[in-house]
Amino acid sequence: WLDIRAELDAVLRQREQIPNFQDVSADQRALTANDDWKTFFLYIYGHAIDDNCARCPATTRLVRGIPGMKTAMFSILAPGKHIPEHRGPYKGVLRYHLGLRVPDGGDCRIRVKDDTRPWVEGGSLVFDDSHVHQAWNDAPAQRVVLFVDFLRPLPLPLALLNRQMVWRFSSRPFIMEAV
């Protein structure tokens, strides 16, 4: 995780050039409208963002090794940012967070359903984002996690159906627009 954080730190030197989440995905406008949530995508639903992958070769190599990886990005929350309650659109993927830059004090947390957990540097969380969840960064410094969506492990033939559904979703116009 320290290799990933080193690449993140290089990316953060040009934070003002990192897009706001709602500028990449218009669907996020319901969750954020300012520059308090930035995203540096490596993959969007299986589509590589080549320039970003080239800037983060170790991170790219590691996320490519995750079975069923579809989306990978650095999720950057400014101090004081709250992402309101929401849910993902589809149960076919699970979400992974790796804490990369987490201010001390437990002021950075995520709630999934009724379970609230702090992020920890070097610590991992996996959750089903189709459950209601929200996040806070009440700390005085930014919080950054590596955010990865991967296919939910399922038995055959459900795994094949899930792959097909995610593939169809990945070719939708709003995904291609984000890419």
Protein backbone atom coordinates (compact mmCIF):
# COMPACT_ATOMS: atom_id res chain seq x y z
CA TRP A 1 0.00 0.00 0.00
CA LEU A 2 2.95 2.32 0.51
CA ASP A 3 3.87 2.01 -3.18
CA ILE A 4 0.32 3.01 -4.09
CA ARG A 5 0.46 5.94 -1.66
CA ALA A 6 3.74 7.14 -3.19
CA GLU A 7 2.08 7.27 -6.61
CA LEU A 8 -0.94 9.01 -5.08
CA ASP A 9 1.32 11.64 -3.51
CA ALA A 10 2.80 12.41 -6.94
CA VAL A 11 -0.74 12.78 -8.36
CA LEU A 12 -1.78 15.05 -5.48
CA ARG A 13 1.00 17.52 -6.31
CA GLN A 14 -1.35 18.65 -9.09
CA ARG A 15 -4.61 18.40 -7.13
CA GLU A 16 -6.18 21.33 -8.98
CA GLN A 17 -5.97 19.31 -12.22
CA ILE A 18 -7.84 16.32 -10.76
CA PRO A 19 -11.48 16.40 -11.87
CA ASN A 20 -14.41 16.73 -9.51
CA PHE A 21 -16.47 13.54 -9.37
CA GLN A 22 -19.58 15.26 -10.76
CA ASP A 23 -17.54 16.51 -13.74
CA VAL A 24 -16.64 12.92 -14.64
CA SER A 25 -20.04 11.43 -13.83
CA ALA A 26 -23.08 13.72 -14.03
CA ASP A 27 -24.99 11.18 -11.89
CA GLN A 28 -22.90 12.32 -8.92
CA ARG A 29 -24.37 15.85 -8.96
CA ALA A 30 -26.99 14.67 -6.48
CA LEU A 31 -24.16 13.88 -4.04
CA THR A 32 -21.73 16.73 -4.61
CA ALA A 33 -21.71 20.07 -6.38
CA ASN A 34 -18.38 21.67 -5.45
CA ASP A 35 -14.72 20.68 -5.64
CA ASP A 36 -14.70 18.79 -2.32
CA TRP A 37 -14.78 15.30 -3.90
CA LYS A 38 -12.19 14.66 -6.56
CA THR A 39 -11.54 11.44 -8.43
CA PHE A 40 -8.48 10.21 -10.29
CA PHE A 41 -9.69 7.26 -12.35
CA LEU A 42 -7.45 4.45 -13.54
CA TYR A 43 -10.38 2.35 -14.82
CA ILE A 44 -14.04 3.17 -15.38
CA TYR A 45 -16.16 0.02 -15.76
CA GLY A 46 -13.30 -1.88 -17.36
CA HIS A 47 -12.11 0.98 -19.59
CA ALA A 48 -8.51 1.97 -18.84
CA ILE A 49 -7.70 5.68 -18.59
CA ASP A 50 -4.32 5.27 -20.26
CA ASP A 51 -2.67 8.55 -19.22
CA ASN A 52 -3.62 8.01 -15.57
CA CYS A 53 -2.51 4.37 -15.64
CA ALA A 54 0.86 5.49 -17.04
CA ARG A 55 1.27 7.93 -14.12
CA CYS A 56 0.57 5.14 -11.59
CA PRO A 57 2.21 1.97 -12.97
CA ALA A 58 2.51 0.09 -9.66
CA THR A 59 -1.09 0.85 -8.69
CA THR A 60 -2.29 -0.13 -12.16
CA ARG A 61 -0.39 -3.43 -12.02
CA LEU A 62 -1.89 -4.22 -8.61
CA VAL A 63 -5.50 -3.37 -9.48
CA ARG A 64 -5.27 -5.32 -12.75
CA GLY A 65 -4.53 -8.37 -10.59
CA ILE A 66 -7.86 -8.10 -8.74
CA PRO A 67 -10.22 -10.74 -10.18
CA GLY A 68 -13.21 -9.06 -11.83
CA MET A 69 -11.89 -5.50 -11.27
CA LYS A 70 -14.07 -3.01 -13.14
CA THR A 71 -13.41 0.43 -11.64
CA ALA A 72 -10.36 1.77 -9.83
CA MET A 73 -9.70 5.32 -8.72
CA PHE A 74 -8.32 7.53 -6.00
CA SER A 75 -11.27 9.06 -4.13
CA ILE A 76 -10.21 12.36 -2.54
CA LEU A 77 -12.43 14.02 0.07
CA ALA A 78 -11.62 17.57 1.18
CA PRO A 79 -11.77 18.51 4.87
CA GLY A 80 -15.37 18.88 6.06
CA LYS A 81 -16.85 16.93 3.13
CA HIS A 82 -19.94 14.81 3.75
CA ILE A 83 -21.20 12.49 1.03
CA PRO A 84 -24.92 12.10 1.72
CA GLU A 85 -26.75 8.82 2.00
CA HIS A 86 -26.99 7.00 -1.33
CA ARG A 87 -26.81 3.53 -2.83
CA GLY A 88 -25.20 2.00 -5.87
CA PRO A 89 -27.41 0.92 -8.76
CA TYR A 90 -26.49 -2.77 -9.00
CA LYS A 91 -25.72 -5.69 -6.64
CA GLY A 92 -23.38 -7.34 -9.15
CA VAL A 93 -20.27 -5.58 -7.85
CA LEU A 94 -18.62 -5.17 -4.47
CA ARG A 95 -16.60 -2.14 -3.42
CA TYR A 96 -13.13 -2.11 -1.87
CA HIS A 97 -11.50 0.85 -0.09
CA LEU A 98 -7.82 0.97 0.85
CA GLY A 99 -6.97 3.85 3.20
CA LEU A 100 -4.06 5.82 1.71
CA ARG A 101 -4.23 9.24 3.37
CA VAL A 102 -6.40 9.24 6.49
CA PRO A 103 -6.09 12.06 9.04
CA ASP A 104 -5.71 10.93 12.64
CA GLY A 105 -8.56 11.06 15.12
CA GLY A 106 -11.31 8.87 13.68
CA ASP A 107 -13.00 11.83 12.00
CA CYS A 108 -13.07 10.05 8.63
CA ARG A 109 -15.72 7.38 8.50
CA ILE A 110 -18.19 5.50 6.35
CA ARG A 111 -21.58 4.12 7.31
CA VAL A 112 -23.02 1.18 5.39
CA LYS A 113 -26.55 0.35 6.57
CA ASP A 114 -26.19 0.49 10.37
CA ASP A 115 -22.43 -0.16 10.54
CA THR A 116 -20.07 2.83 10.84
CA ARG A 117 -16.32 2.34 10.47
CA PRO A 118 -13.33 4.66 10.33
CA TRP A 119 -10.83 4.44 7.50
CA VAL A 120 -7.32 3.47 8.58
CA GLU A 121 -4.14 4.09 6.61
CA GLY A 122 -3.18 0.77 5.05
CA GLY A 123 -6.52 -0.71 6.16
CA SER A 124 -9.12 -2.30 3.90
CA LEU A 125 -12.90 -2.25 3.77
CA VAL A 126 -15.12 -4.27 1.43
CA PHE A 127 -18.84 -3.55 1.21
CA ASP A 128 -21.91 -3.89 -0.96
CA ASP A 129 -22.55 -0.40 -2.28
CA SER A 130 -26.13 -1.30 -3.20
CA HIS A 131 -26.79 -0.87 0.53
CA VAL A 132 -27.44 2.66 1.75
CA HIS A 133 -24.15 4.30 2.68
CA GLN A 134 -22.64 7.71 3.37
CA ALA A 135 -19.22 9.10 4.22
CA TRP A 136 -17.69 11.93 6.24
CA ASN A 137 -14.35 13.65 6.41
CA ASP A 138 -14.67 15.84 9.49
CA ALA A 139 -10.89 16.07 9.83
CA PRO A 140 -8.82 19.18 8.98
CA ALA A 141 -6.95 17.36 6.17
CA GLN A 142 -8.01 15.50 3.03
CA ARG A 143 -8.87 11.80 3.08
CA VAL A 144 -7.87 9.59 0.15
CA VAL A 145 -8.75 5.96 -0.50
CA LEU A 146 -8.09 3.64 -3.39
CA PHE A 147 -11.63 2.79 -4.49
CA VAL A 148 -12.12 -0.44 -6.49
CA ASP A 149 -15.30 -2.06 -7.76
CA PHE A 150 -15.03 -5.74 -8.64
CA LEU A 151 -17.48 -8.40 -9.76
CA ARG A 152 -19.34 -10.09 -6.95
CA PRO A 153 -18.22 -13.73 -6.74
CA LEU A 154 -21.17 -15.87 -7.82
CA PRO A 155 -21.67 -19.50 -8.87
CA LEU A 156 -22.19 -20.39 -12.53
CA PRO A 157 -24.43 -19.53 -14.41
CA LEU A 158 -25.10 -16.42 -12.29
CA ALA A 159 -21.47 -15.30 -12.69
CA LEU A 160 -21.85 -15.36 -16.48
CA LEU A 161 -25.11 -13.42 -16.33
CA ASN A 162 -23.53 -10.88 -13.97
CA ARG A 163 -20.55 -10.42 -16.30
CA GLN A 164 -22.90 -9.81 -19.21
CA MET A 165 -24.96 -7.27 -17.22
CA VAL A 166 -21.85 -5.35 -16.15
CA TRP A 167 -20.48 -5.46 -19.70
CA ARG A 168 -23.74 -4.00 -21.05
CA PHE A 169 -23.67 -1.31 -18.38
CA SER A 170 -20.05 -0.46 -19.27
CA SER A 171 -20.99 0.43 -22.83
CA ARG A 172 -23.80 2.82 -21.90
CA PRO A 173 -23.39 6.37 -23.25
CA PHE A 174 -22.88 8.00 -19.84
CA ILE A 175 -20.03 5.58 -19.07
CA MET A 176 -18.41 6.18 -22.45
CA GLU A 177 -18.81 9.92 -21.88
CA ALA A 178 -16.97 9.62 -18.56
CA VAL A 179 -14.17 7.62 -20.21
